[in-house]
Amino acid sequence: MKILNRRDFPGASYPERIIQFGEGNFLRAFVDWQVDLLNEHTDLNAGVVIVRPIESTFPPSLSTQDGLYTTVIRGLNEKGEAVSDARLIRSVNREISVYDNYDEFLKLAHNPDMRFVFSNTTEAGISYHAGDAFDDAPAVSYPAKLTRLLFERYTCFDGALDKGWIIIPCELIDYNGEALRELVLRYAQEWNLSAAFVQWLDQANTFCSTLVDRIVTGYPRDEVTQLEAELGYHDAFLDTAEHFYLFVIQGPKKVASELRLDKYPLNVLIVDDIKPYKERKVAILNGAHTALVPVAFQAGLDTVGEAMNDRDICAFVEKAIYEEIIPVLDLPRDELMSFASAVTGRFQNPYIKHQLLSIALNGMTKFRTRILPQLLVGQQVSGVLPARLTFALAALIAFYRGERRGETYPLQDDAHWIERYQQLWHQHSDGLISTQDLVHTVLAVDAHWEQDLTHVAGLVEQVTTDLDAILTKGMREAVKPLC
């Protein structure tokens, strides 16, 4: 079977205009995939150079396949049909290691056509590393490496204002572009780089904050033999991902025209502020997950897909989204409805086996950040507690019994919560405390909730009623009235 390379698989190639820090599955099935589509359908004409920002030899360099690899995008399309689409990605030209080829790395700044910098160096990547120096080859942190590369650019082109870059980080931290810019300026100051360079950084370069959303499942280890037989070649860099994707970029409108987004419809939004889109994702996607898990798991289900194929549980989740979460969010309703529809489709993706217990990790914190804000706003606006979000809280408390149908399951949360619940449920089973006592104790922990939830009108009473129903009738019967 042939191995991917440009000699045996000839096709389009593009001049290098994009530097990408990070060689991982996510960027290859997200940024490089989108660039490949734009190259095909517009005059973007941009090749990517991947910079491996850490010292490692695994996985091997994508240059072993001349930058070629295959994405397999699969899930439910807009019509609810299961689709699987394989695409040979030609947007990446090569990969270089900043540790093995430092001079080659600096030379990237000498290319007058370079225009964009993308990155995904993990959540820890955009951080300060004390001791990083200008002469390090290379510095440890990504922001320090980028500062050095920007200075090389500035020097090579004598501070020309038209030679700055559009810098688009994809790391999963709030306002990642602003955080990266602040660190670049910090290194410039620490390294005593000229005021003229700092001025050029500010005037010639654009740092964009982003929100990225796509489940990338990576190398399909269990299916690779079948997929390669269908493709007709060996690909050591096969990359699988869900059908849905969303790229929200906070930046000037020129970003859209420079990326040719006006010439081909991608799910990329150029906005003034990513905050409402982050809140939408946390509330609808993550919030629905968090509400779903304790209810579905205690109803005897094990994966998100099973839950969404269960008529009652699916109805519970959809009503929570459309009747209790969306009405209190501050974005145009049609955008929220469209996003919610995509979310339920993603949950039903037959290609992704998302274990409920894995999503249950740190469930107490997830409830506080993802669901509690909507629960409290809903109660303030209408004077009535949102029934399903409140029930989800009762289900969460029940979940921390750690037992389903006589079998125990692992609880993954802060040790103090696991110990506290263990003690409370023992006391409850021994008849030492009532269900209301248990609920009151949990809701009164203001160090966790950042307020005393026992002061929220009717909350202790309603959670107690719901929890009693779960304990006496079982989850299936208890949740039915809300489906």
Protein backbone atom coordinates (compact mmCIF):
# COMPACT_ATOMS: atom_id res chain seq x y z
CA MET A 1 0.00 0.00 0.00
CA LYS A 2 1.39 3.41 -0.99
CA ILE A 3 2.41 5.93 1.66
CA LEU A 4 1.21 9.51 1.19
CA ASN A 5 3.71 11.83 -0.49
CA ARG A 6 3.52 14.55 -3.12
CA ARG A 7 5.31 12.52 -5.81
CA ASP A 8 2.81 9.65 -5.82
CA PHE A 9 -0.16 11.92 -5.01
CA PRO A 10 0.44 15.07 -7.08
CA GLY A 11 -1.85 18.05 -6.67
CA ALA A 12 -2.04 21.69 -5.67
CA SER A 13 0.65 23.33 -3.56
CA TYR A 14 0.60 26.83 -2.11
CA PRO A 15 3.14 29.53 -1.21
CA GLU A 16 3.91 29.73 2.50
CA ARG A 17 1.83 32.46 4.12
CA ILE A 18 0.85 30.88 7.46
CA ILE A 19 2.98 29.93 10.47
CA GLN A 20 1.32 27.46 12.83
CA PHE A 21 2.67 26.74 16.30
CA GLY A 22 1.46 23.24 17.16
CA GLU A 23 1.36 19.98 15.21
CA GLY A 24 -1.52 18.29 17.03
CA ASN A 25 -4.72 16.69 15.80
CA PHE A 26 -6.92 19.66 16.69
CA LEU A 27 -5.28 22.28 14.48
CA ARG A 28 -4.93 19.83 11.60
CA ALA A 29 -8.67 19.00 11.63
CA PHE A 30 -9.71 22.58 12.36
CA VAL A 31 -7.47 25.37 11.04
CA ASP A 32 -5.58 23.47 8.31
CA TRP A 33 -8.81 21.82 7.13
CA GLN A 34 -10.48 25.23 6.78
CA VAL A 35 -7.43 26.71 5.02
CA ASP A 36 -7.53 23.78 2.60
CA LEU A 37 -11.18 24.52 1.76
CA LEU A 38 -10.42 28.23 1.31
CA ASN A 39 -7.47 27.40 -0.95
CA GLU A 40 -9.70 25.23 -3.12
CA HIS A 41 -12.65 27.60 -3.37
CA THR A 42 -11.03 31.07 -3.19
CA ASP A 43 -7.80 32.84 -4.08
CA LEU A 44 -6.46 32.63 -0.51
CA ASN A 45 -3.48 30.69 -1.90
CA ALA A 46 -1.86 30.07 1.49
CA GLY A 47 0.47 27.27 2.51
CA VAL A 48 1.09 26.40 6.17
CA VAL A 49 4.43 25.81 7.88
CA ILE A 50 3.92 23.89 11.10
CA VAL A 51 6.34 24.73 13.90
CA ARG A 52 6.69 22.02 16.52
CA PRO A 53 7.06 24.20 19.62
CA ILE A 54 8.18 21.52 22.09
CA GLU A 55 11.13 19.15 22.19
CA SER A 56 9.68 15.78 21.18
CA THR A 57 10.02 13.15 18.48
CA PHE A 58 6.49 11.75 18.79
CA PRO A 59 4.48 11.84 16.70
CA PRO A 60 6.97 11.86 13.80
CA SER A 61 7.18 14.94 11.61
CA LEU A 62 4.39 15.51 9.10
CA SER A 63 7.20 16.24 6.63
CA THR A 64 7.63 12.45 6.31
CA GLN A 65 4.43 12.65 4.20
CA ASP A 66 5.38 15.96 2.53
CA GLY A 67 2.76 17.69 4.69
CA LEU A 68 -0.10 15.57 3.29
CA TYR A 69 -2.66 13.86 5.51
CA THR A 70 -6.34 12.90 5.48
CA THR A 71 -9.20 14.24 7.56
CA VAL A 72 -12.28 12.08 8.06
CA ILE A 73 -15.16 14.34 9.07
CA ARG A 74 -18.17 12.42 10.33
CA GLY A 75 -21.36 12.94 12.22
CA LEU A 76 -24.89 14.12 11.55
CA ASN A 77 -25.31 16.71 8.82
CA GLU A 78 -27.89 19.50 8.77
CA LYS A 79 -30.55 16.99 7.66
CA GLY A 80 -29.80 14.60 10.53
CA GLU A 81 -28.14 12.07 8.22
CA ALA A 82 -24.98 10.20 9.24
CA VAL A 83 -22.19 11.30 6.92
CA SER A 84 -18.48 10.50 6.65
CA ASP A 85 -16.31 12.65 4.39
CA ALA A 86 -12.62 11.91 3.74
CA ARG A 87 -10.48 14.78 2.43
CA LEU A 88 -6.81 14.81 1.44
CA ILE A 89 -5.41 17.98 3.02
CA ARG A 90 -2.81 19.83 0.91
CA SER A 91 -2.59 23.12 2.82
CA VAL A 92 0.42 22.10 4.94
CA ASN A 93 3.80 22.35 3.17
CA ARG A 94 6.15 21.14 5.87
CA GLU A 95 6.85 20.85 9.57
CA ILE A 96 9.95 22.14 11.32
CA SER A 97 11.15 21.65 14.89
CA VAL A 98 12.11 24.86 16.64
CA TYR A 99 14.59 22.80 18.69
CA ASP A 100 16.27 20.98 15.79
CA ASN A 101 16.05 23.75 13.17
CA TYR A 102 16.19 27.05 15.04
CA ASP A 103 17.81 28.96 12.19
CA GLU A 104 15.14 27.65 9.81
CA PHE A 105 12.53 28.82 12.33
CA LEU A 106 13.92 32.37 12.36
CA LYS A 107 14.06 32.37 8.54
CA LEU A 108 10.26 32.12 8.47
CA ALA A 109 10.25 35.80 9.44
CA HIS A 110 12.27 36.67 6.32
CA ASN A 111 9.52 35.55 3.94
CA PRO A 112 7.73 38.74 2.81
CA ASP A 113 4.53 36.79 2.08
CA MET A 114 4.05 35.49 5.65
CA ARG A 115 0.85 36.99 7.00
CA PHE A 116 -0.84 34.79 9.62
CA VAL A 117 0.20 33.03 12.82
CA PHE A 118 -2.08 30.36 14.30
CA SER A 119 -1.33 28.40 17.46
CA ASN A 120 -2.55 25.74 19.83
CA THR A 121 0.08 25.11 22.47
CA THR A 122 -2.45 23.81 25.08
CA GLU A 123 -4.03 25.90 27.83
CA ALA A 124 -0.63 26.10 29.57
CA GLY A 125 1.08 27.36 26.42
CA ILE A 126 0.18 31.04 26.74
CA SER A 127 2.09 31.61 29.95
CA TYR A 128 5.15 33.40 31.27
CA HIS A 129 8.36 31.45 31.81
CA ALA A 130 10.85 33.22 34.05
CA GLY A 131 14.34 33.07 32.62
CA ASP A 132 13.44 33.03 28.93
CA ALA A 133 16.12 35.14 27.24
CA PHE A 134 16.40 36.78 23.82
CA ASP A 135 19.46 34.70 22.90
CA ASP A 136 17.92 31.36 23.89
CA ALA A 137 17.76 29.06 20.88
CA PRO A 138 14.90 28.58 21.53
CA ALA A 139 13.22 30.13 24.57
CA VAL A 140 10.97 27.77 26.54
CA SER A 141 7.58 29.49 26.36
CA TYR A 142 5.52 30.02 23.23
CA PRO A 143 5.06 33.79 23.85
CA ALA A 144 8.86 34.18 24.14
CA LYS A 145 9.43 32.22 20.91
CA LEU A 146 6.85 34.41 19.16
CA THR A 147 8.44 37.61 20.51
CA ARG A 148 11.82 36.55 19.12
CA LEU A 149 10.26 35.71 15.74
CA LEU A 150 8.43 39.05 15.61
CA PHE A 151 11.67 40.89 16.36
CA GLU A 152 13.34 38.99 13.52
CA ARG A 153 10.48 40.14 11.26
CA TYR A 154 10.79 43.73 12.42
CA THR A 155 14.56 43.77 11.86
CA CYS A 156 14.45 42.06 8.48
CA PHE A 157 11.96 44.55 7.02
CA ASP A 158 13.19 47.67 8.86
CA GLY A 159 9.94 48.06 10.78
CA ALA A 160 7.73 48.24 7.67
CA LEU A 161 4.13 48.64 8.81
CA ASP A 162 2.83 46.39 6.02
CA LYS A 163 4.93 43.45 7.20
CA GLY A 164 3.14 42.82 10.50
CA TRP A 165 1.13 39.68 11.16
CA ILE A 166 -2.41 38.71 12.03
CA ILE A 167 -1.97 36.48 15.09
CA ILE A 168 -4.82 34.07 15.88
CA PRO A 169 -4.25 31.80 18.91
CA CYS A 170 -6.63 28.86 19.43
CA GLU A 171 -5.64 27.93 22.99
CA LEU A 172 -8.60 27.32 25.31
CA ILE A 173 -8.23 30.30 27.63
CA ASP A 174 -10.41 33.40 27.90
CA TYR A 175 -9.34 36.27 25.62
CA ASN A 176 -6.34 34.29 24.41
CA GLY A 177 -5.24 36.97 21.94
CA GLU A 178 -5.09 39.66 24.60
CA ALA A 179 -3.23 37.33 26.97
CA LEU A 180 -0.68 36.49 24.25
CA ARG A 181 -0.19 40.14 23.32
CA GLU A 182 0.45 41.13 26.95
CA LEU A 183 3.11 38.43 27.29
CA VAL A 184 4.83 39.42 24.04
CA LEU A 185 4.98 43.03 25.29
CA ARG A 186 6.30 41.79 28.64
CA TYR A 187 9.16 39.91 26.99
CA ALA A 188 9.93 42.89 24.74
CA GLN A 189 10.26 45.04 27.84
CA GLU A 190 12.28 42.46 29.81
CA TRP A 191 14.66 41.99 26.90
CA ASN A 192 15.11 45.76 26.55
CA LEU A 193 13.99 45.73 22.93
CA SER A 194 13.61 49.16 21.37
CA ALA A 195 10.62 51.43 21.84
CA ALA A 196 10.37 51.50 18.04
CA PHE A 197 9.88 47.71 18.02
CA VAL A 198 7.19 47.94 20.70
CA GLN A 199 5.47 50.63 18.63
CA TRP A 200 5.67 48.38 15.54
CA LEU A 201 4.19 45.49 17.55
CA ASP A 202 1.24 47.70 18.39
CA GLN A 203 0.71 49.38 15.01
CA ALA A 204 1.56 46.65 12.49
CA ASN A 205 0.26 43.49 14.19
CA THR A 206 -3.21 42.31 15.09
CA PHE A 207 -3.76 39.92 18.01
CA CYS A 208 -7.17 38.24 17.78
CA SER A 209 -8.92 36.40 20.60
CA THR A 210 -10.87 33.30 19.59
CA LEU A 211 -13.41 30.70 20.54
CA VAL A 212 -12.88 27.33 18.86
CA ASP A 213 -15.39 24.50 18.87
CA ARG A 214 -15.04 21.09 17.28
CA ILE A 215 -14.66 17.62 18.78
CA VAL A 216 -11.53 16.17 17.18
CA THR A 217 -11.19 12.46 17.88
CA GLY A 218 -7.78 12.18 16.22
CA TYR A 219 -6.11 9.05 14.91
CA PRO A 220 -8.74 6.29 14.50
CA ARG A 221 -6.64 3.48 15.96
CA ASP A 222 -9.43 0.88 16.01
CA GLU A 223 -10.59 1.61 12.44
CA VAL A 224 -7.37 2.45 10.65
CA THR A 225 -7.17 -0.81 8.66
CA GLN A 226 -10.68 -0.38 7.28
CA LEU A 227 -10.25 3.34 6.55
CA GLU A 228 -6.91 2.88 4.78
CA ALA A 229 -8.41 0.08 2.66
CA GLU A 230 -11.17 2.50 1.59
CA LEU A 231 -8.66 5.31 0.92
CA GLY A 232 -6.18 3.10 -0.93
CA TYR A 233 -3.08 4.42 0.83
CA HIS A 234 -1.30 4.38 4.19
CA ASP A 235 -1.63 7.57 6.23
CA ALA A 236 0.13 7.71 9.62
CA PHE A 237 -1.52 11.08 10.29
CA LEU A 238 -5.20 10.23 9.70
CA ASP A 239 -7.31 12.68 11.69
CA THR A 240 -11.00 12.23 12.54
CA ALA A 241 -13.41 14.90 13.74
CA GLU A 242 -17.10 15.65 14.08
CA HIS A 243 -19.12 17.33 11.33
CA PHE A 244 -19.80 20.48 13.41
CA TYR A 245 -17.23 23.25 13.77
CA LEU A 246 -17.33 26.89 14.86
CA PHE A 247 -14.54 29.48 14.77
CA VAL A 248 -15.29 32.84 16.44
CA ILE A 249 -12.56 35.45 15.94
CA GLN A 250 -12.57 38.75 17.82
CA GLY A 251 -10.88 41.18 15.49
CA PRO A 252 -11.22 43.85 12.81
CA LYS A 253 -13.32 43.21 9.71
CA LYS A 254 -10.18 43.10 7.55
CA VAL A 255 -9.50 39.62 8.95
CA ALA A 256 -12.54 38.31 7.08
CA SER A 257 -11.42 39.75 3.75
CA GLU A 258 -7.79 38.67 4.18
CA LEU A 259 -8.89 35.10 4.90
CA ARG A 260 -11.31 35.35 1.94
CA LEU A 261 -14.23 34.44 4.21
CA ASP A 262 -16.48 36.62 2.06
CA LYS A 263 -15.85 34.30 -0.91
CA TYR A 264 -16.65 30.91 0.63
CA PRO A 265 -19.14 30.14 3.42
CA LEU A 266 -17.38 28.69 6.47
CA ASN A 267 -18.76 28.69 10.02
CA VAL A 268 -16.35 31.48 10.98
CA LEU A 269 -17.60 34.63 12.70
CA ILE A 270 -15.59 37.86 12.96
CA VAL A 271 -16.99 39.68 16.01
CA ASP A 272 -16.29 42.64 18.30
CA ASP A 273 -16.39 40.53 21.48
CA ILE A 274 -16.23 36.75 21.92
CA LYS A 275 -17.68 36.85 25.45
CA PRO A 276 -21.35 36.20 24.53
CA TYR A 277 -20.31 33.33 22.26
CA LYS A 278 -18.26 31.81 25.07
CA GLU A 279 -21.27 32.18 27.39
CA ARG A 280 -23.50 30.56 24.77
CA LYS A 281 -21.19 27.56 24.43
CA VAL A 282 -20.77 27.14 28.19
CA ALA A 283 -24.49 27.50 28.87
CA ILE A 284 -25.94 25.45 26.00
CA LEU A 285 -23.31 22.86 25.02
CA ASN A 286 -21.52 22.39 28.33
CA GLY A 287 -24.62 23.13 30.41
CA ALA A 288 -26.70 20.54 28.57
CA HIS A 289 -23.93 17.98 29.07
CA THR A 290 -23.84 18.73 32.79
CA ALA A 291 -27.63 18.53 33.18
CA LEU A 292 -27.78 15.35 31.14
CA VAL A 293 -25.10 13.28 32.87
CA PRO A 294 -26.54 12.56 36.35
CA VAL A 295 -30.06 12.09 34.97
CA ALA A 296 -29.11 9.78 32.09
CA PHE A 297 -26.56 7.75 34.04
CA GLN A 298 -28.93 7.05 36.91
CA ALA A 299 -31.58 6.13 34.33
CA GLY A 300 -29.28 3.25 33.33
CA LEU A 301 -27.55 4.77 30.30
CA ASP A 302 -23.79 4.97 29.70
CA THR A 303 -23.12 7.28 26.73
CA VAL A 304 -24.39 10.62 25.43
CA GLY A 305 -25.57 8.90 22.25
CA GLU A 306 -27.66 6.37 24.21
CA ALA A 307 -29.16 9.24 26.20
CA MET A 308 -30.15 11.17 23.08
CA ASN A 309 -31.74 8.05 21.59
CA ASP A 310 -33.85 7.64 24.74
CA ARG A 311 -37.14 9.46 24.18
CA ASP A 312 -37.61 10.67 27.76
CA ILE A 313 -34.04 11.72 28.45
CA CYS A 314 -33.74 13.46 25.07
CA ALA A 315 -36.96 15.38 25.76
CA PHE A 316 -35.68 16.39 29.21
CA VAL A 317 -32.46 17.79 27.76
CA GLU A 318 -34.11 19.58 24.84
CA LYS A 319 -36.71 21.21 27.09
CA ALA A 320 -33.95 22.31 29.48
CA ILE A 321 -32.12 23.96 26.58
CA TYR A 322 -35.06 25.59 24.79
CA GLU A 323 -37.29 26.49 27.75
CA GLU A 324 -34.84 27.24 30.56
CA ILE A 325 -31.37 28.06 29.18
CA ILE A 326 -31.94 29.97 25.93
CA PRO A 327 -34.53 32.44 27.32
CA VAL A 328 -32.00 33.92 29.77
CA LEU A 329 -29.03 34.28 27.39
CA ASP A 330 -28.07 37.62 25.85
CA LEU A 331 -27.67 36.89 22.12
CA PRO A 332 -30.06 37.05 19.15
CA ARG A 333 -32.63 34.29 19.58
CA ASP A 334 -32.18 32.89 16.07
CA GLU A 335 -28.44 32.44 16.69
CA LEU A 336 -29.15 30.66 19.98
CA MET A 337 -31.76 28.38 18.40
CA SER A 338 -29.43 27.50 15.53
CA PHE A 339 -26.57 26.72 17.92
CA ALA A 340 -28.84 24.63 20.16
CA SER A 341 -30.06 22.63 17.18
CA ALA A 342 -26.45 21.90 16.23
CA VAL A 343 -25.68 20.86 19.81
CA THR A 344 -28.41 18.23 19.96
CA GLY A 345 -27.23 16.92 16.60
CA ARG A 346 -23.68 16.68 17.95
CA PHE A 347 -24.90 14.76 20.99
CA GLN A 348 -26.51 12.24 18.62
CA ASN A 349 -23.32 11.69 16.58
CA PRO A 350 -23.12 7.90 16.06
CA TYR A 351 -19.36 8.07 15.47
CA ILE A 352 -18.52 9.41 18.93
CA LYS A 353 -18.91 7.23 22.04
CA HIS A 354 -18.90 9.86 24.77
CA GLN A 355 -18.99 8.12 28.17
CA LEU A 356 -21.24 9.83 30.71
CA LEU A 357 -18.88 9.01 33.57
CA SER A 358 -16.00 10.78 31.81
CA ILE A 359 -18.11 13.95 31.50
CA ALA A 360 -19.07 13.61 35.19
CA LEU A 361 -15.53 14.61 36.21
CA ASN A 362 -15.66 17.60 38.63
CA GLY A 363 -19.44 17.73 38.37
CA MET A 364 -19.90 20.08 41.31
CA THR A 365 -17.74 22.81 39.77
CA LYS A 366 -19.28 22.24 36.34
CA PHE A 367 -22.77 22.74 37.77
CA ARG A 368 -21.73 25.99 39.45
CA THR A 369 -20.16 27.46 36.30
CA ARG A 370 -22.39 26.03 33.59
CA ILE A 371 -25.92 25.73 34.99
CA LEU A 372 -26.27 27.73 38.20
CA PRO A 373 -26.10 31.16 36.45
CA GLN A 374 -29.07 30.28 34.22
CA LEU A 375 -30.97 28.73 37.14
CA LEU A 376 -30.59 31.90 39.23
CA VAL A 377 -31.36 34.34 36.40
CA GLY A 378 -34.40 32.29 35.44
CA GLN A 379 -35.70 32.46 38.99
CA GLN A 380 -35.05 36.21 39.22
CA VAL A 381 -36.73 36.98 35.89
CA SER A 382 -39.85 34.83 36.28
CA GLY A 383 -40.05 34.34 40.03
CA VAL A 384 -40.20 30.58 39.40
CA LEU A 385 -37.37 28.07 39.64
CA PRO A 386 -36.51 26.46 36.27
CA ALA A 387 -37.88 22.96 36.86
CA ARG A 388 -35.36 20.95 34.84
CA LEU A 389 -32.25 22.80 35.95
CA THR A 390 -33.40 22.42 39.55
CA PHE A 391 -34.09 18.71 38.98
CA ALA A 392 -30.58 18.38 37.50
CA LEU A 393 -29.19 19.68 40.80
CA ALA A 394 -31.17 17.05 42.72
CA ALA A 395 -29.94 14.40 40.28
CA LEU A 396 -26.36 15.57 40.81
CA ILE A 397 -26.68 15.21 44.58
CA ALA A 398 -28.15 11.73 44.08
CA PHE A 399 -25.30 10.87 41.69
CA TYR A 400 -22.79 11.34 44.52
CA ARG A 401 -24.17 8.29 46.30
CA GLY A 402 -21.78 6.46 43.98
CA GLU A 403 -24.11 3.51 43.44
CA ARG A 404 -26.34 2.42 40.56
CA ARG A 405 -28.49 -0.72 40.71
CA GLY A 406 -26.43 -2.13 43.54
CA GLU A 407 -23.09 -1.52 41.81
CA THR A 408 -20.62 1.19 42.76
CA TYR A 409 -19.01 3.54 40.23
CA PRO A 410 -16.01 5.87 40.58
CA LEU A 411 -16.63 9.46 41.64
CA GLN A 412 -14.12 11.99 40.32
CA ASP A 413 -14.22 15.32 42.08
CA ASP A 414 -12.39 17.32 44.72
CA ALA A 415 -11.60 15.08 47.68
CA HIS A 416 -13.51 17.32 50.09
CA TRP A 417 -16.74 16.86 48.09
CA ILE A 418 -16.35 13.10 47.84
CA GLU A 419 -15.68 12.85 51.60
CA ARG A 420 -18.55 15.23 52.41
CA TYR A 421 -21.04 13.30 50.27
CA GLN A 422 -19.86 9.97 51.65
CA GLN A 423 -20.53 11.22 55.16
CA LEU A 424 -23.90 12.80 54.28
CA TRP A 425 -25.24 9.74 52.45
CA HIS A 426 -24.14 7.44 55.30
CA GLN A 427 -25.97 9.66 57.78
CA HIS A 428 -29.01 9.72 55.51
CA SER A 429 -29.13 5.93 55.10
CA ASP A 430 -28.76 5.53 58.88
CA GLY A 431 -31.72 7.86 59.43
CA LEU A 432 -29.60 10.45 61.22
CA ILE A 433 -30.48 13.25 58.79
CA SER A 434 -33.45 13.88 56.51
CA THR A 435 -33.30 14.48 52.77
CA GLN A 436 -33.91 18.17 53.44
CA ASP A 437 -31.03 18.27 55.95
CA LEU A 438 -28.75 16.74 53.32
CA VAL A 439 -29.84 19.21 50.63
CA HIS A 440 -29.53 22.16 53.02
CA THR A 441 -25.99 21.15 53.96
CA VAL A 442 -24.90 20.90 50.31
CA LEU A 443 -26.49 24.18 49.22
CA ALA A 444 -25.09 26.09 52.21
CA VAL A 445 -21.44 25.63 51.16
CA ASP A 446 -20.85 29.21 50.05
CA ALA A 447 -17.11 28.55 49.64
CA HIS A 448 -18.10 26.41 46.65
CA TRP A 449 -21.24 28.10 45.31
CA GLU A 450 -19.82 31.61 45.97
CA GLN A 451 -23.06 32.32 47.83
CA ASP A 452 -25.38 30.57 50.26
CA LEU A 453 -27.94 28.89 48.00
CA THR A 454 -30.25 28.15 50.92
CA HIS A 455 -31.27 31.83 50.63
CA VAL A 456 -32.65 31.32 47.11
CA ALA A 457 -36.43 31.26 47.54
CA GLY A 458 -37.83 27.73 47.35
CA LEU A 459 -34.61 26.08 46.18
CA VAL A 460 -34.00 23.82 49.20
CA GLU A 461 -37.63 22.72 49.18
CA GLN A 462 -37.77 21.96 45.44
CA VAL A 463 -34.45 20.12 45.35
CA THR A 464 -35.60 18.10 48.37
CA THR A 465 -38.87 17.18 46.63
CA ASP A 466 -37.00 16.15 43.48
CA LEU A 467 -34.38 14.19 45.40
CA ASP A 468 -37.03 12.35 47.41
CA ALA A 469 -38.76 11.42 44.14
CA ILE A 470 -35.48 10.06 42.73
CA LEU A 471 -34.81 8.04 45.89
CA THR A 472 -38.30 6.57 46.18
CA LYS A 473 -39.40 6.13 42.55
CA GLY A 474 -36.06 5.80 40.76
CA MET A 475 -34.72 8.22 38.15
CA ARG A 476 -36.92 7.02 35.27
CA GLU A 477 -40.20 7.69 37.07
CA ALA A 478 -38.97 10.83 38.82
CA VAL A 479 -37.93 12.57 35.60
CA LYS A 480 -41.03 11.64 33.55
CA PRO A 481 -43.14 14.71 34.44
CA LEU A 482 -40.35 16.93 33.06
CA CYS A 483 -39.99 15.14 29.72
